């Protein structure tokens, strides 16, 4: 019977030693040259030693002008490969896989990095006044994105990463192209779903040509945007079919954007299906639909917390890998025992300020601070103030952006 400790062979032939994956979480720690620092090595060594079969990095970016965070690592210069090798060596000490999540933030580039980022169309993101009005991409801009993803895949492989994940979820650039709310183009890159998915599929094709047939390529895809008029579940299922035909090795399902942060807070109690409330994971209902149309290995991230439920889902075939994010911060020292069944539940209480407008920022800031604390050797800090956490992302981004501009 398949369980957390069962191995899995991906379509490309790569073998993951077990079914637990550390899901991508942005690290926000690069130096002024956009390079990884010793804290990356320390953090990923800790995560490797948990025993998880797969670690996926947070966003590594293909364009310095379109960073998800001013603290992202930039995969655009092969001269960085030696420093990246130190990161990958630390992150694979336990024989696990370590994949680089490759991304471009598009309109979700904050003002400190770029006040007028490029995006599919001129549709501004209104969130805490952090994002400027985007400029619609030209054909040349789109071609540069394709080249950038291919270059990043090349750098990842040469640096010792054992796979890549192409980020097409959570409202970043490829997700923006997929959604009719943010993609209002009338050329071959917009309009029909075939056109809106063209960029993602072209990038998958180019990356496969670059890394070969035995190197894992994953895609992170939204089940939907959870916004009226946006990328729907039926759209997503059609894209899944296209990705299956394109020969990807793993599909990670998530959902939401910065405007509807279902992927972070996880549960909207007013709109969440009753069947999902009774179960831990947020996207299992959608996963069942994916199973009907695709045989690509499937990873579900969001909400898993109990050992028994993880094994139940794996044994039933509802998904192939269990993705966890915040437990690798708040319960990092318990993951190994969780894998062995000695710890039955990983508790991550929500962070609340009492003010609805600040809740998602407080939770994001809390886990961002704790991740950096662990990476820098300080460990978890008890009793972080939720209000202070709600301001952390803004102040941290301003500081990191200023470091790079003053370099």
Protein backbone atom coordinates (compact mmCIF):
# COMPACT_ATOMS: atom_id res chain seq x y z
CA UNK A 1 0.00 0.00 0.00
CA UNK A 2 1.35 3.42 -0.95
CA UNK A 3 2.14 5.73 1.96
CA UNK A 4 4.35 8.68 2.83
CA UNK A 5 7.46 6.52 2.82
CA UNK A 6 6.81 4.92 -0.57
CA UNK A 7 9.14 5.87 -3.40
CA UNK A 8 7.85 7.14 -6.74
CA UNK A 9 9.38 7.00 -10.22
CA UNK A 10 8.53 10.03 -12.36
CA UNK A 11 7.89 9.78 -16.12
CA UNK A 12 11.43 11.01 -16.85
CA UNK A 13 12.86 8.13 -14.79
CA UNK A 14 13.89 10.17 -11.73
CA UNK A 15 13.08 8.50 -8.40
CA UNK A 16 11.84 10.33 -5.30
CA UNK A 17 12.56 8.31 -2.17
CA UNK A 18 9.26 9.22 -0.49
CA UNK A 19 6.01 11.12 -1.05
CA UNK A 20 6.53 14.20 1.16
CA UNK A 21 7.54 17.45 -0.54
CA UNK A 22 8.59 20.74 0.97
CA UNK A 23 6.44 23.09 -1.10
CA UNK A 24 7.86 26.35 -2.46
CA UNK A 25 8.07 29.28 -0.04
CA UNK A 26 9.85 32.48 -1.01
CA UNK A 27 13.05 33.01 0.98
CA UNK A 28 13.65 36.81 0.50
CA UNK A 29 17.34 36.49 1.43
CA UNK A 30 19.56 37.13 -1.61
CA UNK A 31 22.49 39.52 -1.33
CA UNK A 32 22.91 42.79 -3.25
CA UNK A 33 24.10 40.81 -6.30
CA UNK A 34 20.93 38.66 -6.31
CA UNK A 35 22.98 35.64 -5.18
CA UNK A 36 22.23 33.00 -2.55
CA UNK A 37 23.94 33.51 0.81
CA UNK A 38 25.13 31.07 3.52
CA UNK A 39 21.69 31.32 5.11
CA UNK A 40 20.23 29.54 2.06
CA UNK A 41 22.68 26.70 2.60
CA UNK A 42 21.91 26.50 6.33
CA UNK A 43 18.15 26.50 5.75
CA UNK A 44 18.16 23.88 3.02
CA UNK A 45 20.53 21.61 4.90
CA UNK A 46 18.02 21.66 7.78
CA UNK A 47 15.18 20.89 5.38
CA UNK A 48 17.14 18.13 3.66
CA UNK A 49 17.80 16.51 7.03
CA UNK A 50 14.05 16.30 7.75
CA UNK A 51 13.94 13.31 5.39
CA UNK A 52 11.55 14.85 2.86
CA UNK A 53 11.99 13.29 -0.58
CA UNK A 54 11.60 16.55 -2.48
CA UNK A 55 12.42 20.17 -1.68
CA UNK A 56 11.25 22.89 -4.05
CA UNK A 57 12.78 26.35 -3.67
CA UNK A 58 10.88 29.57 -3.46
CA UNK A 59 10.76 31.81 -6.52
CA UNK A 60 14.04 32.10 -8.40
CA UNK A 61 13.62 34.79 -11.00
CA UNK A 62 14.47 35.12 -14.68
CA UNK A 63 14.41 38.94 -14.78
CA UNK A 64 15.98 41.41 -12.31
CA UNK A 65 13.28 43.96 -13.14
CA UNK A 66 10.48 41.55 -12.27
CA UNK A 67 11.27 40.02 -8.89
CA UNK A 68 8.52 38.56 -6.73
CA UNK A 69 10.64 39.84 -3.84
CA UNK A 70 13.64 42.14 -3.83
CA UNK A 71 15.31 39.30 -1.91
CA UNK A 72 14.86 36.68 -4.65
CA UNK A 73 17.79 34.92 -6.27
CA UNK A 74 18.22 35.75 -9.98
CA UNK A 75 18.95 32.91 -12.43
CA UNK A 76 20.26 34.93 -15.35
CA UNK A 77 24.04 34.77 -15.11
CA UNK A 78 26.03 31.56 -15.42
CA UNK A 79 28.83 33.17 -13.38
CA UNK A 80 26.65 32.50 -10.33
CA UNK A 81 26.79 28.73 -10.78
CA UNK A 82 29.59 28.11 -8.22
CA UNK A 83 27.58 29.84 -5.48
CA UNK A 84 24.48 27.96 -6.52
CA UNK A 85 26.41 24.69 -6.23
CA UNK A 86 27.04 25.38 -2.56
CA UNK A 87 23.28 25.80 -2.09
CA UNK A 88 22.40 22.59 -3.95
CA UNK A 89 25.08 20.58 -2.13
CA UNK A 90 23.65 21.63 1.24
CA UNK A 91 20.07 21.01 0.11
CA UNK A 92 20.67 17.43 -1.02
CA UNK A 93 22.76 16.03 1.85
CA UNK A 94 20.08 13.45 2.62
CA UNK A 95 19.83 12.11 -0.93
CA UNK A 96 16.62 14.00 -1.65
CA UNK A 97 15.69 15.91 -4.79
CA UNK A 98 16.02 19.70 -4.85
CA UNK A 99 14.15 21.55 -7.59
CA UNK A 100 14.36 25.24 -8.50
CA UNK A 101 11.04 27.04 -8.88
CA UNK A 102 11.51 29.36 -11.86
CA UNK A 103 9.30 32.43 -12.08
CA UNK A 104 8.59 35.90 -13.45
CA UNK A 105 6.31 38.11 -11.36
CA UNK A 106 4.78 40.31 -14.07
CA UNK A 107 2.37 42.82 -12.55
CA UNK A 108 2.98 41.30 -9.10
CA UNK A 109 6.33 43.08 -8.97
CA UNK A 110 6.23 45.54 -6.07
CA UNK A 111 6.90 49.25 -6.51
CA UNK A 112 10.26 49.05 -4.74
CA UNK A 113 11.56 46.77 -7.46
CA UNK A 114 9.76 48.25 -10.47
CA UNK A 115 7.07 50.96 -10.43
CA UNK A 116 5.84 49.99 -13.92
CA UNK A 117 6.35 46.27 -14.49
CA UNK A 118 5.52 44.50 -17.72
CA UNK A 119 2.52 42.22 -17.90
CA UNK A 120 0.15 40.73 -20.50
CA UNK A 121 -2.09 43.82 -20.31
CA UNK A 122 -2.37 47.10 -18.42
CA UNK A 123 -4.40 45.71 -15.54
CA UNK A 124 -3.13 47.02 -12.21
CA UNK A 125 -3.05 44.99 -9.02
CA UNK A 126 -4.63 46.86 -6.13
CA UNK A 127 -3.15 45.49 -2.93
CA UNK A 128 -1.82 47.66 -0.09
CA UNK A 129 -0.72 50.27 -2.69
CA UNK A 130 2.36 48.13 -3.31
CA UNK A 131 2.02 47.67 -7.06
CA UNK A 132 2.29 50.14 -9.92
CA UNK A 133 0.42 50.22 -13.21
CA UNK A 134 1.89 47.64 -15.59
CA UNK A 135 2.94 48.13 -19.19
CA UNK A 136 1.57 45.70 -21.77
CA UNK A 137 4.26 43.39 -23.13
CA UNK A 138 5.40 43.58 -26.74
CA UNK A 139 6.10 40.47 -28.81
CA UNK A 140 9.79 41.05 -28.14
CA UNK A 141 9.16 41.17 -24.39
CA UNK A 142 7.37 37.82 -24.56
CA UNK A 143 10.18 36.24 -26.54
CA UNK A 144 12.65 37.49 -23.89
CA UNK A 145 10.58 35.73 -21.22
CA UNK A 146 10.78 32.43 -23.10
CA UNK A 147 14.54 32.82 -23.47
CA UNK A 148 14.81 33.71 -19.78
CA UNK A 149 13.01 30.60 -18.60
CA UNK A 150 15.19 28.41 -20.83
CA UNK A 151 18.36 30.08 -19.56
CA UNK A 152 17.23 29.61 -15.95
CA UNK A 153 16.56 25.91 -16.60
CA UNK A 154 20.09 25.57 -18.00
CA UNK A 155 21.60 27.29 -14.95
CA UNK A 156 19.53 25.16 -12.56
CA UNK A 157 20.73 21.91 -14.09
CA UNK A 158 24.36 23.04 -14.27
CA UNK A 159 24.23 24.12 -10.61
CA UNK A 160 23.17 20.75 -9.24
CA UNK A 161 19.43 21.24 -8.88
CA UNK A 162 17.84 17.91 -9.71
CA UNK A 163 14.75 19.35 -11.38
CA UNK A 164 12.79 22.54 -12.04
CA UNK A 165 9.30 23.78 -11.41
CA UNK A 166 7.76 26.34 -13.75
CA UNK A 167 5.54 28.67 -11.69
CA UNK A 168 2.23 29.23 -13.48
CA UNK A 169 0.07 29.85 -10.39
CA UNK A 170 -0.70 32.44 -7.71
CA UNK A 171 -1.09 35.37 -10.10
CA UNK A 172 2.51 35.56 -11.34
CA UNK A 173 3.25 36.22 -15.01
CA UNK A 174 2.31 32.86 -16.52
CA UNK A 175 -0.83 32.81 -14.38
CA UNK A 176 -1.59 36.34 -15.61
CA UNK A 177 -1.41 35.14 -19.21
CA UNK A 178 -3.80 32.28 -18.41
CA UNK A 179 -6.46 34.50 -16.83
CA UNK A 180 -8.88 36.55 -18.96
CA UNK A 181 -9.03 39.09 -16.11
CA UNK A 182 -5.38 40.02 -16.54
CA UNK A 183 -4.85 38.98 -20.16
CA UNK A 184 -6.93 41.22 -22.43
CA UNK A 185 -4.73 40.82 -25.47
CA UNK A 186 -6.20 40.31 -28.93
CA UNK A 187 -3.11 38.78 -30.55
CA UNK A 188 -1.87 35.17 -30.54
CA UNK A 189 -1.06 35.45 -26.82
CA UNK A 190 -4.58 36.34 -25.67
CA UNK A 191 -8.29 35.73 -26.20
CA UNK A 192 -8.94 31.99 -26.45
CA UNK A 193 -7.59 29.58 -23.85
CA UNK A 194 -5.36 28.13 -26.55
CA UNK A 195 -3.75 31.53 -26.98
CA UNK A 196 -3.63 32.33 -23.26
CA UNK A 197 -1.84 29.04 -22.54
CA UNK A 198 0.58 29.43 -25.46
CA UNK A 199 3.34 31.09 -23.40
CA UNK A 200 3.32 28.40 -20.69
CA UNK A 201 3.43 25.58 -23.23
CA UNK A 202 6.18 27.23 -25.25
CA UNK A 203 8.26 27.60 -22.07
CA UNK A 204 7.74 23.93 -21.17
CA UNK A 205 8.85 22.97 -24.69
CA UNK A 206 11.97 25.16 -24.57
CA UNK A 207 12.95 23.98 -21.11
CA UNK A 208 12.57 20.34 -22.14
CA UNK A 209 14.82 20.92 -25.13
CA UNK A 210 17.39 22.51 -22.81
CA UNK A 211 17.49 19.97 -19.96
CA UNK A 212 16.73 16.74 -21.83
CA UNK A 213 14.25 13.94 -21.28
CA UNK A 214 15.66 12.56 -18.01
CA UNK A 215 15.55 15.81 -15.99
CA UNK A 216 12.29 16.46 -14.07
CA UNK A 217 10.09 19.35 -15.18
CA UNK A 218 7.16 20.26 -12.96
CA UNK A 219 4.48 22.91 -13.37
CA UNK A 220 2.62 24.67 -10.57
CA UNK A 221 -0.89 25.50 -11.78
CA UNK A 222 -3.94 27.12 -10.22
CA UNK A 223 -7.10 25.07 -10.01
CA UNK A 224 -8.73 28.48 -10.43
CA UNK A 225 -8.23 32.13 -9.49
CA UNK A 226 -11.37 32.13 -7.30
CA UNK A 227 -12.40 35.39 -9.01
CA UNK A 228 -15.45 35.99 -11.18
CA UNK A 229 -14.43 36.15 -14.82
CA UNK A 230 -10.98 34.72 -14.14
CA UNK A 231 -9.19 31.43 -14.77
CA UNK A 232 -11.73 28.70 -14.00
CA UNK A 233 -11.54 25.03 -13.07
CA UNK A 234 -12.67 24.07 -16.57
CA UNK A 235 -9.89 26.25 -18.00
CA UNK A 236 -7.40 24.60 -15.69
CA UNK A 237 -8.45 21.11 -16.70
CA UNK A 238 -7.93 21.99 -20.36
CA UNK A 239 -4.46 23.29 -19.57
CA UNK A 240 -3.73 20.09 -17.61
CA UNK A 241 -4.50 18.10 -20.77
CA UNK A 242 -2.07 20.25 -22.74
CA UNK A 243 0.64 19.89 -20.10
CA UNK A 244 0.14 16.12 -20.07
CA UNK A 245 0.68 16.05 -23.83
CA UNK A 246 3.76 18.23 -23.37
CA UNK A 247 5.35 15.56 -21.18
CA UNK A 248 5.77 17.20 -17.78
CA UNK A 249 6.82 14.99 -14.87
CA UNK A 250 4.81 16.44 -11.99
CA UNK A 251 1.84 18.77 -11.65
CA UNK A 252 1.41 20.73 -8.43
CA UNK A 253 -2.11 22.04 -7.93
CA UNK A 254 -2.77 25.19 -5.94
CA UNK A 255 -5.06 28.19 -6.32
CA UNK A 256 -5.65 31.90 -5.86
CA UNK A 257 -3.77 35.14 -6.50
CA UNK A 258 -2.63 38.12 -4.43
CA UNK A 259 -6.17 39.49 -4.75
CA UNK A 260 -7.74 36.26 -3.51
CA UNK A 261 -5.15 34.58 -1.34
CA UNK A 262 -6.75 31.16 -1.01
CA UNK A 263 -3.31 29.67 -1.55
CA UNK A 264 -2.02 31.35 1.63
CA UNK A 265 -4.77 31.56 4.17
CA UNK A 266 -6.13 28.35 2.79
CA UNK A 267 -9.74 28.47 3.89
CA UNK A 268 -12.53 30.88 3.18
CA UNK A 269 -15.13 29.54 5.57
CA UNK A 270 -18.02 31.22 3.75
CA UNK A 271 -17.26 29.78 0.31
CA UNK A 272 -15.41 26.56 1.00
CA UNK A 273 -17.20 23.37 0.08
CA UNK A 274 -18.58 21.41 3.02
CA UNK A 275 -16.82 18.27 1.79
CA UNK A 276 -13.50 20.10 1.95
CA UNK A 277 -14.12 21.48 5.44
CA UNK A 278 -14.37 17.92 6.71
CA UNK A 279 -11.00 17.06 5.19
CA UNK A 280 -7.64 18.75 5.60
CA UNK A 281 -6.46 19.44 2.06
CA UNK A 282 -7.84 22.39 0.09
CA UNK A 283 -7.68 21.09 -3.50
CA UNK A 284 -8.61 17.41 -3.33
CA UNK A 285 -12.00 17.95 -4.97
CA UNK A 286 -10.25 19.42 -7.98
CA UNK A 287 -7.61 16.69 -7.90
CA UNK A 288 -10.30 14.09 -8.53
CA UNK A 289 -11.17 15.86 -11.77
CA UNK A 290 -7.51 15.96 -12.78
CA UNK A 291 -7.22 12.22 -12.20
CA UNK A 292 -10.00 11.61 -14.71
CA UNK A 293 -8.12 13.29 -17.57
CA UNK A 294 -4.41 12.90 -16.80
CA UNK A 295 -1.92 10.31 -15.60
CA UNK A 296 0.78 12.89 -14.79
CA UNK A 297 1.98 12.48 -11.18
CA UNK A 298 0.04 14.88 -9.00
CA UNK A 299 1.16 16.88 -5.97
CA UNK A 300 -1.39 18.64 -3.79
CA UNK A 301 -0.25 21.45 -1.49
CA UNK A 302 -2.31 23.18 1.14
CA UNK A 303 -3.88 22.05 4.39
CA UNK A 304 -2.29 18.65 5.04
CA UNK A 305 -1.45 18.30 8.71
CA UNK A 306 -2.11 14.76 9.99
CA UNK A 307 -0.06 11.64 9.36
CA UNK A 308 -3.06 9.36 8.97
CA UNK A 309 -4.85 11.62 6.51
CA UNK A 310 -1.75 12.00 4.33
CA UNK A 311 -1.45 8.23 4.10
CA UNK A 312 -5.19 7.86 3.47
CA UNK A 313 -5.03 10.21 0.48
CA UNK A 314 -1.93 8.55 -0.95
CA UNK A 315 -3.34 5.04 -0.51
CA UNK A 316 -6.59 6.03 -2.25
CA UNK A 317 -4.66 7.40 -5.22
CA UNK A 318 -6.14 10.89 -4.92
CA UNK A 319 -2.63 12.31 -5.33
CA UNK A 320 0.94 11.07 -5.59
CA UNK A 321 2.82 13.59 -3.45
CA UNK A 322 1.89 15.56 -0.34
CA UNK A 323 3.10 19.16 -0.41
CA UNK A 324 3.59 21.10 2.83
CA UNK A 325 4.79 24.66 3.29
CA UNK A 326 4.30 26.27 6.69
CA UNK A 327 4.89 23.02 8.64
CA UNK A 328 8.47 23.19 7.36
CA UNK A 329 8.77 26.46 9.26
CA UNK A 330 6.66 26.04 12.39
CA UNK A 331 7.30 22.30 12.79
CA UNK A 332 10.65 21.88 11.10
CA UNK A 333 12.14 19.85 13.96
CA UNK A 334 9.17 17.47 13.97
CA UNK A 335 9.03 16.53 10.27
CA UNK A 336 11.34 13.52 10.61
CA UNK A 337 9.21 12.07 13.40
CA UNK A 338 6.07 12.88 11.39
CA UNK A 339 7.45 10.81 8.51
CA UNK A 340 7.88 7.88 10.88
CA UNK A 341 4.45 8.28 12.46
CA UNK A 342 5.87 9.27 15.84
CA UNK A 343 4.22 12.69 15.45
CA UNK A 344 0.62 12.40 14.33
CA UNK A 345 -0.23 16.04 13.68
CA UNK A 346 1.65 19.19 12.68
CA UNK A 347 0.01 22.20 14.28
CA UNK A 348 0.33 25.61 12.62
CA UNK A 349 -2.12 28.00 14.26
CA UNK A 350 -3.29 30.97 12.18
CA UNK A 351 -1.81 34.39 12.91
CA UNK A 352 -4.51 36.96 13.63
CA UNK A 353 -4.42 40.71 14.30
CA UNK A 354 -8.13 41.25 14.90
CA UNK A 355 -8.28 43.52 11.84
CA UNK A 356 -9.54 41.85 8.66
CA UNK A 357 -7.55 44.11 6.33
CA UNK A 358 -4.25 43.01 7.89
CA UNK A 359 -4.81 39.29 8.36
CA UNK A 360 -3.14 37.97 5.19
CA UNK A 361 -0.23 40.42 5.57
CA UNK A 362 0.25 39.38 9.21
CA UNK A 363 0.33 35.69 8.37
CA UNK A 364 2.66 36.22 5.42
CA UNK A 365 4.94 38.42 7.51
CA UNK A 366 4.99 36.00 10.44
CA UNK A 367 6.16 33.04 8.38
CA UNK A 368 8.58 35.16 6.35
CA UNK A 369 10.23 36.35 9.56
CA UNK A 370 10.38 32.87 11.04
CA UNK A 371 11.86 31.38 7.87
CA UNK A 372 14.65 33.98 7.93
CA UNK A 373 15.19 33.37 11.66
CA UNK A 374 15.71 29.65 11.02
CA UNK A 375 17.96 30.30 8.02
CA UNK A 376 20.15 32.68 10.00
CA UNK A 377 20.51 30.24 12.89
CA UNK A 378 18.25 31.92 15.43
CA UNK A 379 15.49 29.33 15.36
CA UNK A 380 11.81 30.03 15.87
CA UNK A 381 10.98 33.15 17.83
CA UNK A 382 8.06 32.91 20.22
CA UNK A 383 5.36 35.56 20.52
CA UNK A 384 6.05 37.63 17.40
CA UNK A 385 3.65 40.56 17.39
CA UNK A 386 1.01 40.03 14.65
CA UNK A 387 0.66 43.76 13.93
CA UNK A 388 4.43 44.10 13.50
CA UNK A 389 4.38 41.01 11.28
CA UNK A 390 1.76 42.64 9.05
CA UNK A 391 4.26 45.39 8.23
CA UNK A 392 7.27 43.12 7.83
CA UNK A 393 6.89 42.38 4.11
CA UNK A 394 6.70 46.08 3.19
CA UNK A 395 9.65 47.14 5.34
CA UNK A 396 11.76 44.15 4.34
CA UNK A 397 11.10 44.70 0.62
CA UNK A 398 12.02 48.37 0.90
CA UNK A 399 15.28 47.50 2.65
CA UNK A 400 16.26 44.75 0.19
CA UNK A 401 15.42 46.90 -2.84
CA UNK A 402 17.49 49.77 -1.47
CA UNK A 403 20.46 47.41 -0.94
CA UNK A 404 20.40 46.44 -4.59
CA UNK A 405 19.98 49.98 -5.91
CA UNK A 406 22.89 51.20 -3.78
CA UNK A 407 25.18 48.39 -4.93
